[in-house]
Amino acid sequence: MNSGVIIIFSNNEKEIKDLNKENLLSINSNKVCFVNNASTDNTLNLLNNIKFESDNNISILDIKHDKGVKSALKSGA
């Protein structure tokens, strides 16, 4: 069975800038999925930068219209 981590973001640009990126890059999991849930700020670009800097198996799912947390989680899975 595969395991992974799904993290949902929605207009979290400020929090991502303040976050120590090493914490995100050090997640020990087979797969990491960042779900951008209809952000209107620079969240998607910051997530792409983290993916570029990472050696981990990170994928990014960009949802254009806000689906809510449960639907975003299902989409990430």
C-alpha atoms as a PDB file:
ATOM      1  CA  MET A   1       0.000   0.000   0.000  1.00  0.00           C
ATOM      2  CA  ASN A   2       1.238   3.475  -0.859  1.00  0.00           C
ATOM      3  CA  SER A   3       1.225   6.274   1.659  1.00  0.00           C
ATOM      4  CA  GLY A   4       1.255   9.990   1.123  1.00  0.00           C
ATOM      5  CA  VAL A   5       0.574  13.400   2.573  1.00  0.00           C
ATOM      6  CA  ILE A   6      -2.037  15.806   1.223  1.00  0.00           C
ATOM      7  CA  ILE A   7      -1.801  19.464   2.246  1.00  0.00           C
ATOM      8  CA  ILE A   8      -4.557  21.864   1.213  1.00  0.00           C
ATOM      9  CA  PHE A   9      -3.795  25.551   0.623  1.00  0.00           C
ATOM     10  CA  SER A  10      -6.258  28.369   0.005  1.00  0.00           C
ATOM     11  CA  ASN A  11      -4.893  31.923  -0.042  1.00  0.00           C
ATOM     12  CA  ASN A  12      -2.000  31.029   2.258  1.00  0.00           C
ATOM     13  CA  GLU A  13       0.683  33.186   0.641  1.00  0.00           C
ATOM     14  CA  LYS A  14       1.603  34.952   3.882  1.00  0.00           C
ATOM     15  CA  GLU A  15       1.776  31.708   5.863  1.00  0.00           C
ATOM     16  CA  ILE A  16       3.944  30.022   3.227  1.00  0.00           C
ATOM     17  CA  LYS A  17       6.349  32.975   3.203  1.00  0.00           C
ATOM     18  CA  ASP A  18       6.596  32.850   7.008  1.00  0.00           C
ATOM     19  CA  LEU A  19       6.960  29.060   7.059  1.00  0.00           C
ATOM     20  CA  ASN A  20      10.336  27.405   7.308  1.00  0.00           C
ATOM     21  CA  LYS A  21      10.430  25.603   3.943  1.00  0.00           C
ATOM     22  CA  GLU A  22      12.775  23.004   5.380  1.00  0.00           C
ATOM     23  CA  ASN A  23       9.796  21.626   7.315  1.00  0.00           C
ATOM     24  CA  LEU A  24       7.886  20.972   4.108  1.00  0.00           C
ATOM     25  CA  LEU A  25      10.915  19.584   2.320  1.00  0.00           C
ATOM     26  CA  SER A  26      11.707  17.156   5.134  1.00  0.00           C
ATOM     27  CA  ILE A  27       8.386  15.268   5.031  1.00  0.00           C
ATOM     28  CA  ASN A  28       9.215  11.559   4.982  1.00  0.00           C
ATOM     29  CA  SER A  29       6.586  10.056   2.743  1.00  0.00           C
ATOM     30  CA  ASN A  30       6.418   8.313  -0.604  1.00  0.00           C
ATOM     31  CA  LYS A  31       4.289  11.065  -2.090  1.00  0.00           C
ATOM     32  CA  VAL A  32       3.351  14.620  -1.142  1.00  0.00           C
ATOM     33  CA  CYS A  33       0.455  16.427  -2.802  1.00  0.00           C
ATOM     34  CA  PHE A  34      -0.117  20.156  -2.443  1.00  0.00           C
ATOM     35  CA  VAL A  35      -3.701  21.100  -3.327  1.00  0.00           C
ATOM     36  CA  ASN A  36      -4.204  24.748  -4.251  1.00  0.00           C
ATOM     37  CA  ASN A  37      -7.923  25.265  -3.575  1.00  0.00           C
ATOM     38  CA  ALA A  38      -8.833  28.307  -5.710  1.00  0.00           C
ATOM     39  CA  SER A  39      -6.260  30.713  -4.286  1.00  0.00           C
ATOM     40  CA  THR A  40      -6.437  34.251  -5.612  1.00  0.00           C
ATOM     41  CA  ASP A  41      -3.031  35.304  -4.283  1.00  0.00           C
ATOM     42  CA  ASN A  42       0.494  34.072  -5.059  1.00  0.00           C
ATOM     43  CA  THR A  43       0.069  30.702  -3.291  1.00  0.00           C
ATOM     44  CA  LEU A  44       0.403  28.588  -6.449  1.00  0.00           C
ATOM     45  CA  ASN A  45       3.696  30.235  -7.470  1.00  0.00           C
ATOM     46  CA  LEU A  46       5.151  29.719  -3.998  1.00  0.00           C
ATOM     47  CA  LEU A  47       4.134  26.040  -4.060  1.00  0.00           C
ATOM     48  CA  ASN A  48       5.756  25.636  -7.475  1.00  0.00           C
ATOM     49  CA  ASN A  49       8.954  27.179  -6.083  1.00  0.00           C
ATOM     50  CA  ILE A  50       8.957  24.691  -3.199  1.00  0.00           C
ATOM     51  CA  LYS A  51       8.449  21.829  -5.650  1.00  0.00           C
ATOM     52  CA  PHE A  52      11.327  23.099  -7.805  1.00  0.00           C
ATOM     53  CA  GLU A  53      13.681  23.324  -4.792  1.00  0.00           C
ATOM     54  CA  SER A  54      12.710  19.873  -3.560  1.00  0.00           C
ATOM     55  CA  ASP A  55      14.130  16.459  -4.340  1.00  0.00           C
ATOM     56  CA  ASN A  56      10.972  14.854  -2.936  1.00  0.00           C
ATOM     57  CA  ASN A  57       8.146  13.373  -4.917  1.00  0.00           C
ATOM     58  CA  ILE A  58       5.892  16.454  -4.715  1.00  0.00           C
ATOM     59  CA  SER A  59       2.894  16.985  -6.944  1.00  0.00           C
ATOM     60  CA  ILE A  60       0.669  20.054  -7.140  1.00  0.00           C
ATOM     61  CA  LEU A  61      -3.030  20.027  -7.952  1.00  0.00           C
ATOM     62  CA  ASP A  62      -4.531  23.405  -8.856  1.00  0.00           C
ATOM     63  CA  ILE A  63      -8.299  23.639  -8.381  1.00  0.00           C
ATOM     64  CA  LYS A  64      -9.709  26.703 -10.142  1.00  0.00           C
ATOM     65  CA  HIS A  65     -13.029  26.949  -8.217  1.00  0.00           C
ATOM     66  CA  ASP A  66     -13.327  26.550  -4.449  1.00  0.00           C
ATOM     67  CA  LYS A  67     -14.579  23.022  -3.781  1.00  0.00           C
ATOM     68  CA  GLY A  68     -14.415  23.059   0.009  1.00  0.00           C
ATOM     69  CA  VAL A  69     -11.952  21.154   2.160  1.00  0.00           C
ATOM     70  CA  LYS A  70     -13.496  17.688   1.812  1.00  0.00           C
ATOM     71  CA  SER A  71     -13.694  17.852  -1.983  1.00  0.00           C
ATOM     72  CA  ALA A  72     -10.170  19.250  -2.209  1.00  0.00           C
ATOM     73  CA  LEU A  73      -8.940  16.375  -0.060  1.00  0.00           C
ATOM     74  CA  LYS A  74     -10.688  13.833  -2.291  1.00  0.00           C
ATOM     75  CA  SER A  75      -9.209  15.489  -5.375  1.00  0.00           C
ATOM     76  CA  GLY A  76      -5.740  15.276  -3.897  1.00  0.00           C
ATOM     77  CA  ALA A  77      -6.165  11.585  -3.161  1.00  0.00           C
END
